[in-house]
Amino acid sequence: MAFELADAQQVRSEIRRIVLEQVDEALTHLADEFDRDPDAAVHAARKQFKRLRALLRLIRCELGSACYRQEDRLLQEAGRTLSQARDAHVLVKTLTKLARELDLSDDGLIASLQARLEERSAAVPLDREVIAGVVVSLVGLQQRLEDWPLRHEGWPLIEAGALWVYRQGRRAFACAYDQPSAEHFHTWRKRVKDLWHQLELLTPLWPPVLKPLADEAHRLADYLGDEHDLSVLLETLQTFTPEITTGKGALLLETIEKQRQTLQQLARPLGLKLYAETPRAYRRRLHGYWQAWKGEAQETVSFQNRRELQKLA
């Protein structure tokens, strides 16, 4: 099934179903697909981890600090374990793309930088033993799922988490432009991803409205993801002194910084739209959608019951 809630009346069951499905998908990628295409398998599994962490933040108040931190830390460490090798590979790809755009693909400096980045990538191998450790952690999460302390049902189960993610994202957005830095944009990027995945979960409340909103949050996350890749590449290349500070190396650094600024400019209007409401207004709107969705489901059941009674009459 899709990564979305399907029943307003059984949210606890829906949460557990979605967690099981996402973990199962991650296990499939790592256990069955890793040998065939390691990069694709790792990329797909990390997508599941990010969705799961966004879901955890939706129910963080319900879980309590101890349970939330345990499961969030597990997913964070699993993602970090898988990301080290892939992140190094992303740096190589990003540099190669830039070199092509600047018509420097055959330049000796670029070749030297690519070689040094590839050495770093090779220094963080991802093998079956590492994957096995991640798999064990995921199975443990599945086994604890029934013990999660989900006491409330329906809207009260997710209300506080939805408000928290929106409020934190709005603050991070303001901070990124009031005090621009790679760290602040990275923090905002993480909160945007949470908002995107939570909007995916809540899309059934009103698909014509929330599906496009989720798509725009996804687009914003992509802008900020590209900006982050460039930021990490810039920071890494600046350690390759002195050859990177003059001539074509300086041109490369300047181009990276300009592209970062362009992406930041593209992201800002989307941020203004996605975070136009106050957190309280956002919560009221989602609650209104939830009430309408719940009412529609009840009306559908009532209509079906009446039809069954008419058949029996």
C-alpha atoms as a PDB file:
ATOM      1  CA  MET A   1       0.000   0.000   0.000  1.00  0.00           C
ATOM      2  CA  ALA A   2       0.968   3.645  -0.371  1.00  0.00           C
ATOM      3  CA  PHE A   3       2.752   5.594   2.347  1.00  0.00           C
ATOM      4  CA  GLU A   4      -0.468   7.159   3.644  1.00  0.00           C
ATOM      5  CA  LEU A   5      -3.121   6.729   6.301  1.00  0.00           C
ATOM      6  CA  ALA A   6      -6.137   4.814   5.058  1.00  0.00           C
ATOM      7  CA  ASP A   7      -8.539   4.885   8.032  1.00  0.00           C
ATOM      8  CA  ALA A   8      -9.337   7.835  10.304  1.00  0.00           C
ATOM      9  CA  GLN A   9     -10.906   5.512  12.872  1.00  0.00           C
ATOM     10  CA  GLN A  10      -7.962   3.103  13.252  1.00  0.00           C
ATOM     11  CA  VAL A  11      -4.887   5.313  13.271  1.00  0.00           C
ATOM     12  CA  ARG A  12      -2.900   3.170  15.713  1.00  0.00           C
ATOM     13  CA  SER A  13      -3.349   0.147  13.471  1.00  0.00           C
ATOM     14  CA  GLU A  14      -2.515   2.266  10.433  1.00  0.00           C
ATOM     15  CA  ILE A  15       0.700   3.522  12.035  1.00  0.00           C
ATOM     16  CA  ARG A  16       1.823  -0.036  12.777  1.00  0.00           C
ATOM     17  CA  ARG A  17       0.877  -1.198   9.285  1.00  0.00           C
ATOM     18  CA  ILE A  18       2.854   1.588   7.643  1.00  0.00           C
ATOM     19  CA  VAL A  19       5.918   0.990   9.829  1.00  0.00           C
ATOM     20  CA  LEU A  20       5.876  -2.726   9.017  1.00  0.00           C
ATOM     21  CA  GLU A  21       5.523  -2.035   5.301  1.00  0.00           C
ATOM     22  CA  GLN A  22       8.358   0.491   5.253  1.00  0.00           C
ATOM     23  CA  VAL A  23      10.696  -1.769   7.238  1.00  0.00           C
ATOM     24  CA  ASP A  24       9.801  -4.729   5.012  1.00  0.00           C
ATOM     25  CA  GLU A  25      10.611  -2.657   1.927  1.00  0.00           C
ATOM     26  CA  ALA A  26      13.953  -1.609   3.393  1.00  0.00           C
ATOM     27  CA  LEU A  27      14.779  -5.221   4.263  1.00  0.00           C
ATOM     28  CA  THR A  28      13.896  -6.311   0.739  1.00  0.00           C
ATOM     29  CA  HIS A  29      16.223  -3.715  -0.763  1.00  0.00           C
ATOM     30  CA  LEU A  30      19.101  -4.656   1.550  1.00  0.00           C
ATOM     31  CA  ALA A  31      18.644  -8.431   1.643  1.00  0.00           C
ATOM     32  CA  ASP A  32      17.542  -9.159  -1.922  1.00  0.00           C
ATOM     33  CA  GLU A  33      18.806  -6.310  -4.111  1.00  0.00           C
ATOM     34  CA  PHE A  34      22.136  -5.281  -2.564  1.00  0.00           C
ATOM     35  CA  ASP A  35      24.287  -7.817  -4.425  1.00  0.00           C
ATOM     36  CA  ARG A  36      22.763  -6.859  -7.777  1.00  0.00           C
ATOM     37  CA  ASP A  37      22.921  -3.055  -7.415  1.00  0.00           C
ATOM     38  CA  PRO A  38      24.392  -1.811  -4.106  1.00  0.00           C
ATOM     39  CA  ASP A  39      23.957   1.908  -4.847  1.00  0.00           C
ATOM     40  CA  ALA A  40      20.291   1.561  -5.803  1.00  0.00           C
ATOM     41  CA  ALA A  41      19.562  -0.724  -2.839  1.00  0.00           C
ATOM     42  CA  VAL A  42      21.163   1.647  -0.340  1.00  0.00           C
ATOM     43  CA  HIS A  43      19.447   4.689  -1.855  1.00  0.00           C
ATOM     44  CA  ALA A  44      16.040   2.988  -1.679  1.00  0.00           C
ATOM     45  CA  ALA A  45      16.544   1.758   1.899  1.00  0.00           C
ATOM     46  CA  ARG A  46      17.564   5.231   3.057  1.00  0.00           C
ATOM     47  CA  LYS A  47      14.329   6.622   1.592  1.00  0.00           C
ATOM     48  CA  GLN A  48      12.402   4.230   3.832  1.00  0.00           C
ATOM     49  CA  PHE A  49      14.440   5.333   6.854  1.00  0.00           C
ATOM     50  CA  LYS A  50      13.635   8.992   6.186  1.00  0.00           C
ATOM     51  CA  ARG A  51       9.942   8.235   5.867  1.00  0.00           C
ATOM     52  CA  LEU A  52      10.011   6.252   9.093  1.00  0.00           C
ATOM     53  CA  ARG A  53      11.774   9.045  10.974  1.00  0.00           C
ATOM     54  CA  ALA A  54       9.184  11.544   9.716  1.00  0.00           C
ATOM     55  CA  LEU A  55       6.439   9.204  10.930  1.00  0.00           C
ATOM     56  CA  LEU A  56       8.148   8.909  14.324  1.00  0.00           C
ATOM     57  CA  ARG A  57       8.135  12.694  14.644  1.00  0.00           C
ATOM     58  CA  LEU A  58       4.416  12.674  13.897  1.00  0.00           C
ATOM     59  CA  ILE A  59       3.802  10.483  16.966  1.00  0.00           C
ATOM     60  CA  ARG A  60       6.784  11.534  19.115  1.00  0.00           C
ATOM     61  CA  CYS A  61       4.620  12.945  21.937  1.00  0.00           C
ATOM     62  CA  GLU A  62       2.582   9.747  22.049  1.00  0.00           C
ATOM     63  CA  LEU A  63       5.641   7.491  22.142  1.00  0.00           C
ATOM     64  CA  GLY A  64       7.319   9.351  24.979  1.00  0.00           C
ATOM     65  CA  SER A  65      10.921  10.491  24.988  1.00  0.00           C
ATOM     66  CA  ALA A  66      12.546   7.122  25.796  1.00  0.00           C
ATOM     67  CA  CYS A  67      10.768   5.102  23.088  1.00  0.00           C
ATOM     68  CA  TYR A  68      11.034   7.883  20.515  1.00  0.00           C
ATOM     69  CA  ARG A  69      14.752   8.376  21.080  1.00  0.00           C
ATOM     70  CA  GLN A  70      15.460   4.648  20.931  1.00  0.00           C
ATOM     71  CA  GLU A  71      13.758   4.131  17.581  1.00  0.00           C
ATOM     72  CA  ASP A  72      14.874   7.435  16.073  1.00  0.00           C
ATOM     73  CA  ARG A  73      18.488   6.781  17.062  1.00  0.00           C
ATOM     74  CA  LEU A  74      18.313   3.292  15.540  1.00  0.00           C
ATOM     75  CA  LEU A  75      17.090   4.664  12.207  1.00  0.00           C
ATOM     76  CA  GLN A  76      19.563   7.540  12.311  1.00  0.00           C
ATOM     77  CA  GLU A  77      22.505   5.202  12.883  1.00  0.00           C
ATOM     78  CA  ALA A  78      21.281   2.766  10.229  1.00  0.00           C
ATOM     79  CA  GLY A  79      20.985   5.613   7.735  1.00  0.00           C
ATOM     80  CA  ARG A  80      24.395   6.981   8.674  1.00  0.00           C
ATOM     81  CA  THR A  81      25.978   3.544   8.266  1.00  0.00           C
ATOM     82  CA  LEU A  82      24.579   3.271   4.755  1.00  0.00           C
ATOM     83  CA  SER A  83      25.190   6.907   3.850  1.00  0.00           C
ATOM     84  CA  GLN A  84      28.947   7.115   4.353  1.00  0.00           C
ATOM     85  CA  ALA A  85      29.889   5.223   1.212  1.00  0.00           C
ATOM     86  CA  ARG A  86      27.061   6.695  -0.847  1.00  0.00           C
ATOM     87  CA  ASP A  87      27.754  10.285   0.234  1.00  0.00           C
ATOM     88  CA  ALA A  88      31.367   9.963  -0.901  1.00  0.00           C
ATOM     89  CA  HIS A  89      30.093   8.653  -4.238  1.00  0.00           C
ATOM     90  CA  VAL A  90      27.688  11.616  -4.538  1.00  0.00           C
ATOM     91  CA  LEU A  91      30.617  14.031  -4.187  1.00  0.00           C
ATOM     92  CA  VAL A  92      32.338  12.391  -7.158  1.00  0.00           C
ATOM     93  CA  LYS A  93      29.162  12.599  -9.256  1.00  0.00           C
ATOM     94  CA  THR A  94      28.568  16.238  -8.312  1.00  0.00           C
ATOM     95  CA  LEU A  95      32.140  17.217  -9.216  1.00  0.00           C
ATOM     96  CA  THR A  96      31.938  15.321 -12.513  1.00  0.00           C
ATOM     97  CA  LYS A  97      28.712  17.153 -13.415  1.00  0.00           C
ATOM     98  CA  LEU A  98      30.265  20.529 -12.599  1.00  0.00           C
ATOM     99  CA  ALA A  99      33.383  19.748 -14.633  1.00  0.00           C
ATOM    100  CA  ARG A 100      31.210  18.886 -17.617  1.00  0.00           C
ATOM    101  CA  GLU A 101      29.249  22.145 -17.287  1.00  0.00           C
ATOM    102  CA  LEU A 102      32.506  24.149 -17.146  1.00  0.00           C
ATOM    103  CA  ASP A 103      34.043  22.149 -20.015  1.00  0.00           C
ATOM    104  CA  LEU A 104      36.807  20.980 -17.685  1.00  0.00           C
ATOM    105  CA  SER A 105      36.239  17.234 -17.952  1.00  0.00           C
ATOM    106  CA  ASP A 106      39.690  16.675 -19.446  1.00  0.00           C
ATOM    107  CA  ASP A 107      41.478  19.100 -17.150  1.00  0.00           C
ATOM    108  CA  GLY A 108      44.320  17.682 -15.078  1.00  0.00           C
ATOM    109  CA  LEU A 109      43.249  19.460 -11.883  1.00  0.00           C
ATOM    110  CA  ILE A 110      39.721  18.078 -12.121  1.00  0.00           C
ATOM    111  CA  ALA A 111      41.079  14.578 -12.739  1.00  0.00           C
ATOM    112  CA  SER A 112      43.284  14.935  -9.664  1.00  0.00           C
ATOM    113  CA  LEU A 113      40.368  16.107  -7.510  1.00  0.00           C
ATOM    114  CA  GLN A 114      38.155  13.291  -8.784  1.00  0.00           C
ATOM    115  CA  ALA A 115      40.856  10.758  -7.961  1.00  0.00           C
ATOM    116  CA  ARG A 116      41.172  12.076  -4.411  1.00  0.00           C
ATOM    117  CA  LEU A 117      37.413  11.965  -3.901  1.00  0.00           C
ATOM    118  CA  GLU A 118      37.272   8.425  -5.283  1.00  0.00           C
ATOM    119  CA  GLU A 119      39.976   7.425  -2.804  1.00  0.00           C
ATOM    120  CA  ARG A 120      37.746   8.687  -0.014  1.00  0.00           C
ATOM    121  CA  SER A 121      34.816   6.754  -1.444  1.00  0.00           C
ATOM    122  CA  ALA A 122      36.861   3.547  -1.559  1.00  0.00           C
ATOM    123  CA  ALA A 123      37.940   4.098   2.052  1.00  0.00           C
ATOM    124  CA  VAL A 124      34.368   3.573   3.323  1.00  0.00           C
ATOM    125  CA  PRO A 125      33.394   0.193   1.854  1.00  0.00           C
ATOM    126  CA  LEU A 126      29.880  -1.144   2.289  1.00  0.00           C
ATOM    127  CA  ASP A 127      29.872  -4.927   2.489  1.00  0.00           C
ATOM    128  CA  ARG A 128      27.544  -7.742   3.502  1.00  0.00           C
ATOM    129  CA  GLU A 129      28.683  -7.646   7.125  1.00  0.00           C
ATOM    130  CA  VAL A 130      27.698  -3.992   7.462  1.00  0.00           C
ATOM    131  CA  ILE A 131      24.343  -4.659   5.788  1.00  0.00           C
ATOM    132  CA  ALA A 132      23.713  -7.593   8.136  1.00  0.00           C
ATOM    133  CA  GLY A 133      24.099  -5.303  11.147  1.00  0.00           C
ATOM    134  CA  VAL A 134      21.529  -2.879   9.749  1.00  0.00           C
ATOM    135  CA  VAL A 135      19.130  -5.753   9.032  1.00  0.00           C
ATOM    136  CA  VAL A 136      19.372  -6.988  12.635  1.00  0.00           C
ATOM    137  CA  SER A 137      18.519  -3.491  13.899  1.00  0.00           C
ATOM    138  CA  LEU A 138      15.474  -3.247  11.624  1.00  0.00           C
ATOM    139  CA  VAL A 139      14.163  -6.647  12.690  1.00  0.00           C
ATOM    140  CA  GLY A 140      14.481  -5.518  16.302  1.00  0.00           C
ATOM    141  CA  LEU A 141      12.346  -2.458  15.545  1.00  0.00           C
ATOM    142  CA  GLN A 142       9.667  -4.678  14.022  1.00  0.00           C
ATOM    143  CA  GLN A 143       9.635  -6.882  17.101  1.00  0.00           C
ATOM    144  CA  ARG A 144       9.144  -3.890  19.424  1.00  0.00           C
ATOM    145  CA  LEU A 145       6.382  -2.333  17.354  1.00  0.00           C
ATOM    146  CA  GLU A 146       3.454  -3.910  19.233  1.00  0.00           C
ATOM    147  CA  ASP A 147       4.862  -2.521  22.488  1.00  0.00           C
ATOM    148  CA  TRP A 148       4.862   1.093  21.305  1.00  0.00           C
ATOM    149  CA  PRO A 149       2.771   3.076  23.834  1.00  0.00           C
ATOM    150  CA  LEU A 150       0.124   4.431  21.459  1.00  0.00           C
ATOM    151  CA  ARG A 151      -2.664   5.368  23.864  1.00  0.00           C
ATOM    152  CA  HIS A 152      -4.782   7.812  21.879  1.00  0.00           C
ATOM    153  CA  GLU A 153      -6.688   7.253  18.668  1.00  0.00           C
ATOM    154  CA  GLY A 154      -7.500   9.385  15.648  1.00  0.00           C
ATOM    155  CA  TRP A 155      -6.467  13.029  15.399  1.00  0.00           C
ATOM    156  CA  PRO A 156      -5.146  13.347  19.008  1.00  0.00           C
ATOM    157  CA  LEU A 157      -2.530  10.717  18.176  1.00  0.00           C
ATOM    158  CA  ILE A 158      -0.826  12.884  15.543  1.00  0.00           C
ATOM    159  CA  GLU A 159      -1.876  16.463  16.322  1.00  0.00           C
ATOM    160  CA  ALA A 160       1.120  17.472  18.453  1.00  0.00           C
ATOM    161  CA  GLY A 161       3.650  15.907  16.063  1.00  0.00           C
ATOM    162  CA  ALA A 162       2.179  17.605  12.997  1.00  0.00           C
ATOM    163  CA  LEU A 163       2.282  20.950  14.809  1.00  0.00           C
ATOM    164  CA  TRP A 164       5.878  20.407  15.996  1.00  0.00           C
ATOM    165  CA  VAL A 165       7.238  19.585  12.529  1.00  0.00           C
ATOM    166  CA  TYR A 166       5.524  22.574  10.926  1.00  0.00           C
ATOM    167  CA  ARG A 167       6.637  24.974  13.671  1.00  0.00           C
ATOM    168  CA  GLN A 168      10.249  23.739  13.623  1.00  0.00           C
ATOM    169  CA  GLY A 169      10.348  23.949   9.831  1.00  0.00           C
ATOM    170  CA  ARG A 170       9.007  27.490   9.861  1.00  0.00           C
ATOM    171  CA  ARG A 171      11.639  28.547  12.385  1.00  0.00           C
ATOM    172  CA  ALA A 172      14.419  26.805  10.450  1.00  0.00           C
ATOM    173  CA  PHE A 173      13.275  28.544   7.249  1.00  0.00           C
ATOM    174  CA  ALA A 174      13.519  31.962   8.899  1.00  0.00           C
ATOM    175  CA  CYS A 175      16.900  31.129  10.427  1.00  0.00           C
ATOM    176  CA  ALA A 176      18.336  29.927   7.092  1.00  0.00           C
ATOM    177  CA  TYR A 177      17.741  33.316   5.464  1.00  0.00           C
ATOM    178  CA  ASP A 178      18.270  35.545   8.502  1.00  0.00           C
ATOM    179  CA  GLN A 179      21.606  33.882   9.312  1.00  0.00           C
ATOM    180  CA  PRO A 180      22.687  32.074   6.109  1.00  0.00           C
ATOM    181  CA  SER A 181      25.047  29.154   6.645  1.00  0.00           C
ATOM    182  CA  ALA A 182      25.458  25.620   5.355  1.00  0.00           C
ATOM    183  CA  GLU A 183      24.404  24.294   8.760  1.00  0.00           C
ATOM    184  CA  HIS A 184      21.195  26.338   8.892  1.00  0.00           C
ATOM    185  CA  PHE A 185      20.148  25.355   5.371  1.00  0.00           C
ATOM    186  CA  HIS A 186      20.876  21.718   6.202  1.00  0.00           C
ATOM    187  CA  THR A 187      18.680  21.948   9.314  1.00  0.00           C
ATOM    188  CA  TRP A 188      15.866  23.465   7.277  1.00  0.00           C
ATOM    189  CA  ARG A 189      16.273  20.737   4.652  1.00  0.00           C
ATOM    190  CA  LYS A 190      15.690  18.049   7.288  1.00  0.00           C
ATOM    191  CA  ARG A 191      12.506  19.718   8.515  1.00  0.00           C
ATOM    192  CA  VAL A 192      11.241  20.147   4.940  1.00  0.00           C
ATOM    193  CA  LYS A 193      11.714  16.419   4.364  1.00  0.00           C
ATOM    194  CA  ASP A 194       9.709  15.705   7.506  1.00  0.00           C
ATOM    195  CA  LEU A 195       6.917  17.982   6.271  1.00  0.00           C
ATOM    196  CA  TRP A 196       6.955  16.360   2.822  1.00  0.00           C
ATOM    197  CA  HIS A 197       6.654  12.835   4.191  1.00  0.00           C
ATOM    198  CA  GLN A 198       4.006  13.814   6.729  1.00  0.00           C
ATOM    199  CA  LEU A 199       1.950  15.433   3.977  1.00  0.00           C
ATOM    200  CA  GLU A 200       2.259  12.147   2.069  1.00  0.00           C
ATOM    201  CA  LEU A 201       0.822  10.349   5.093  1.00  0.00           C
ATOM    202  CA  LEU A 202      -2.038  12.838   5.396  1.00  0.00           C
ATOM    203  CA  THR A 203      -2.865  13.163   1.686  1.00  0.00           C
ATOM    204  CA  PRO A 204      -6.090  11.065   1.965  1.00  0.00           C
ATOM    205  CA  LEU A 205      -7.611  13.808   4.153  1.00  0.00           C
ATOM    206  CA  TRP A 206      -8.102  15.882   0.977  1.00  0.00           C
ATOM    207  CA  PRO A 207      -6.083  14.578  -1.990  1.00  0.00           C
ATOM    208  CA  PRO A 208      -6.720  17.483  -4.425  1.00  0.00           C
ATOM    209  CA  VAL A 209      -5.177  19.880  -1.893  1.00  0.00           C
ATOM    210  CA  LEU A 210      -2.608  17.868   0.053  1.00  0.00           C
ATOM    211  CA  LYS A 211      -1.134  15.876  -2.849  1.00  0.00           C
ATOM    212  CA  PRO A 212       0.048  19.037  -4.698  1.00  0.00           C
ATOM    213  CA  LEU A 213       1.260  20.457  -1.377  1.00  0.00           C
ATOM    214  CA  ALA A 214       3.307  17.305  -0.748  1.00  0.00           C
ATOM    215  CA  ASP A 215       4.702  17.528  -4.284  1.00  0.00           C
ATOM    216  CA  GLU A 216       5.819  21.118  -3.678  1.00  0.00           C
ATOM    217  CA  ALA A 217       7.467  20.125  -0.399  1.00  0.00           C
ATOM    218  CA  HIS A 218       9.254  17.384  -2.350  1.00  0.00           C
ATOM    219  CA  ARG A 219      10.425  19.938  -4.911  1.00  0.00           C
ATOM    220  CA  LEU A 220      11.710  22.176  -2.129  1.00  0.00           C
ATOM    221  CA  ALA A 221      13.506  19.229  -0.511  1.00  0.00           C
ATOM    222  CA  ASP A 222      15.207  18.517  -3.851  1.00  0.00           C
ATOM    223  CA  TYR A 223      16.432  22.114  -4.150  1.00  0.00           C
ATOM    224  CA  LEU A 224      17.811  21.985  -0.624  1.00  0.00           C
ATOM    225  CA  GLY A 225      19.300  18.532  -1.219  1.00  0.00           C
ATOM    226  CA  ASP A 226      21.217  19.791  -4.252  1.00  0.00           C
ATOM    227  CA  GLU A 227      22.326  22.835  -2.251  1.00  0.00           C
ATOM    228  CA  HIS A 228      23.571  20.544   0.510  1.00  0.00           C
ATOM    229  CA  ASP A 229      25.527  18.349  -1.925  1.00  0.00           C
ATOM    230  CA  LEU A 230      27.249  21.448  -3.295  1.00  0.00           C
ATOM    231  CA  SER A 231      27.941  22.720   0.212  1.00  0.00           C
ATOM    232  CA  VAL A 232      29.599  19.449   1.242  1.00  0.00           C
ATOM    233  CA  LEU A 233      31.601  19.367  -2.001  1.00  0.00           C
ATOM    234  CA  LEU A 234      32.749  22.962  -1.459  1.00  0.00           C
ATOM    235  CA  GLU A 235      33.842  22.234   2.101  1.00  0.00           C
ATOM    236  CA  THR A 236      35.678  19.092   0.982  1.00  0.00           C
ATOM    237  CA  LEU A 237      37.459  20.734  -1.940  1.00  0.00           C
ATOM    238  CA  GLN A 238      38.614  23.621   0.233  1.00  0.00           C
ATOM    239  CA  THR A 239      40.735  21.133   2.171  1.00  0.00           C
ATOM    240  CA  PHE A 240      42.639  20.299  -1.035  1.00  0.00           C
ATOM    241  CA  THR A 241      45.032  23.219  -0.806  1.00  0.00           C
ATOM    242  CA  PRO A 242      46.906  24.861  -2.390  1.00  0.00           C
ATOM    243  CA  GLU A 243      45.918  23.648  -5.866  1.00  0.00           C
ATOM    244  CA  ILE A 244      42.226  24.426  -5.424  1.00  0.00           C
ATOM    245  CA  THR A 245      42.681  28.104  -4.524  1.00  0.00           C
ATOM    246  CA  THR A 246      43.997  29.445  -7.832  1.00  0.00           C
ATOM    247  CA  GLY A 247      43.246  29.280 -11.549  1.00  0.00           C
ATOM    248  CA  LYS A 248      40.690  26.690 -12.575  1.00  0.00           C
ATOM    249  CA  GLY A 249      40.356  25.511  -8.992  1.00  0.00           C
ATOM    250  CA  ALA A 250      39.233  28.969  -7.913  1.00  0.00           C
ATOM    251  CA  LEU A 251      36.795  29.056 -10.860  1.00  0.00           C
ATOM    252  CA  LEU A 252      35.349  25.747  -9.707  1.00  0.00           C
ATOM    253  CA  LEU A 253      34.841  27.006  -6.144  1.00  0.00           C
ATOM    254  CA  GLU A 254      33.238  30.204  -7.423  1.00  0.00           C
ATOM    255  CA  THR A 255      30.853  28.218  -9.625  1.00  0.00           C
ATOM    256  CA  ILE A 256      29.838  25.976  -6.730  1.00  0.00           C
ATOM    257  CA  GLU A 257      29.074  29.003  -4.557  1.00  0.00           C
ATOM    258  CA  LYS A 258      27.029  30.649  -7.331  1.00  0.00           C
ATOM    259  CA  GLN A 259      24.986  27.477  -7.844  1.00  0.00           C
ATOM    260  CA  ARG A 260      24.362  27.259  -4.101  1.00  0.00           C
ATOM    261  CA  GLN A 261      23.070  30.826  -4.098  1.00  0.00           C
ATOM    262  CA  THR A 262      20.820  30.104  -7.088  1.00  0.00           C
ATOM    263  CA  LEU A 263      19.290  27.097  -5.326  1.00  0.00           C
ATOM    264  CA  GLN A 264      18.764  29.144  -2.172  1.00  0.00           C
ATOM    265  CA  GLN A 265      16.952  31.781  -4.249  1.00  0.00           C
ATOM    266  CA  LEU A 266      14.756  29.108  -5.865  1.00  0.00           C
ATOM    267  CA  ALA A 267      13.932  27.620  -2.473  1.00  0.00           C
ATOM    268  CA  ARG A 268      12.822  30.847  -0.801  1.00  0.00           C
ATOM    269  CA  PRO A 269       9.491  31.437  -2.646  1.00  0.00           C
ATOM    270  CA  LEU A 270       8.513  27.812  -2.022  1.00  0.00           C
ATOM    271  CA  GLY A 271       9.359  28.230   1.645  1.00  0.00           C
ATOM    272  CA  LEU A 272       7.233  31.379   1.864  1.00  0.00           C
ATOM    273  CA  LYS A 273       4.260  29.493   0.416  1.00  0.00           C
ATOM    274  CA  LEU A 274       4.645  26.276   2.407  1.00  0.00           C
ATOM    275  CA  TYR A 275       5.119  28.167   5.671  1.00  0.00           C
ATOM    276  CA  ALA A 276       2.682  31.025   4.984  1.00  0.00           C
ATOM    277  CA  GLU A 277       0.372  30.057   7.863  1.00  0.00           C
ATOM    278  CA  THR A 278       1.060  30.341  11.542  1.00  0.00           C
ATOM    279  CA  PRO A 279       1.511  26.938  13.216  1.00  0.00           C
ATOM    280  CA  ARG A 280      -1.873  27.295  14.939  1.00  0.00           C
ATOM    281  CA  ALA A 281      -3.605  28.065  11.649  1.00  0.00           C
ATOM    282  CA  TYR A 282      -1.895  25.066  10.041  1.00  0.00           C
ATOM    283  CA  ARG A 283      -3.108  22.827  12.872  1.00  0.00           C
ATOM    284  CA  ARG A 284      -6.686  24.156  12.618  1.00  0.00           C
ATOM    285  CA  ARG A 285      -6.729  23.583   8.873  1.00  0.00           C
ATOM    286  CA  LEU A 286      -5.457  20.010   9.122  1.00  0.00           C
ATOM    287  CA  HIS A 287      -7.913  19.300  11.926  1.00  0.00           C
ATOM    288  CA  GLY A 288     -10.752  20.577   9.746  1.00  0.00           C
ATOM    289  CA  TYR A 289      -9.645  18.319   6.903  1.00  0.00           C
ATOM    290  CA  TRP A 290      -9.433  15.413   9.353  1.00  0.00           C
ATOM    291  CA  GLN A 291     -12.968  15.970  10.638  1.00  0.00           C
ATOM    292  CA  ALA A 292     -14.317  16.104   7.096  1.00  0.00           C
ATOM    293  CA  TRP A 293     -12.390  12.951   6.116  1.00  0.00           C
ATOM    294  CA  LYS A 294     -13.679  11.121   9.165  1.00  0.00           C
ATOM    295  CA  GLY A 295     -17.234  12.232   8.372  1.00  0.00           C
ATOM    296  CA  GLU A 296     -16.941  11.072   4.766  1.00  0.00           C
ATOM    297  CA  ALA A 297     -15.815   7.633   5.928  1.00  0.00           C
ATOM    298  CA  GLN A 298     -18.736   7.364   8.337  1.00  0.00           C
ATOM    299  CA  GLU A 299     -21.203   8.433   5.653  1.00  0.00           C
ATOM    300  CA  THR A 300     -19.782   5.845   3.262  1.00  0.00           C
ATOM    301  CA  VAL A 301     -20.184   3.074   5.839  1.00  0.00           C
ATOM    302  CA  SER A 302     -23.706   4.249   6.672  1.00  0.00           C
ATOM    303  CA  PHE A 303     -24.670   4.309   2.984  1.00  0.00           C
ATOM    304  CA  GLN A 304     -23.270   0.814   2.439  1.00  0.00           C
ATOM    305  CA  ASN A 305     -25.170  -0.487   5.461  1.00  0.00           C
ATOM    306  CA  ARG A 306     -28.435   1.016   4.187  1.00  0.00           C
ATOM    307  CA  ARG A 307     -27.930  -0.637   0.813  1.00  0.00           C
ATOM    308  CA  GLU A 308     -27.342  -3.997   2.462  1.00  0.00           C
ATOM    309  CA  LEU A 309     -30.527  -3.602   4.508  1.00  0.00           C
ATOM    310  CA  GLN A 310     -32.483  -2.699   1.364  1.00  0.00           C
ATOM    311  CA  LYS A 311     -31.251  -5.875  -0.316  1.00  0.00           C
ATOM    312  CA  LEU A 312     -32.474  -7.937   2.623  1.00  0.00           C
ATOM    313  CA  ALA A 313     -35.879  -6.229   2.765  1.00  0.00           C
END
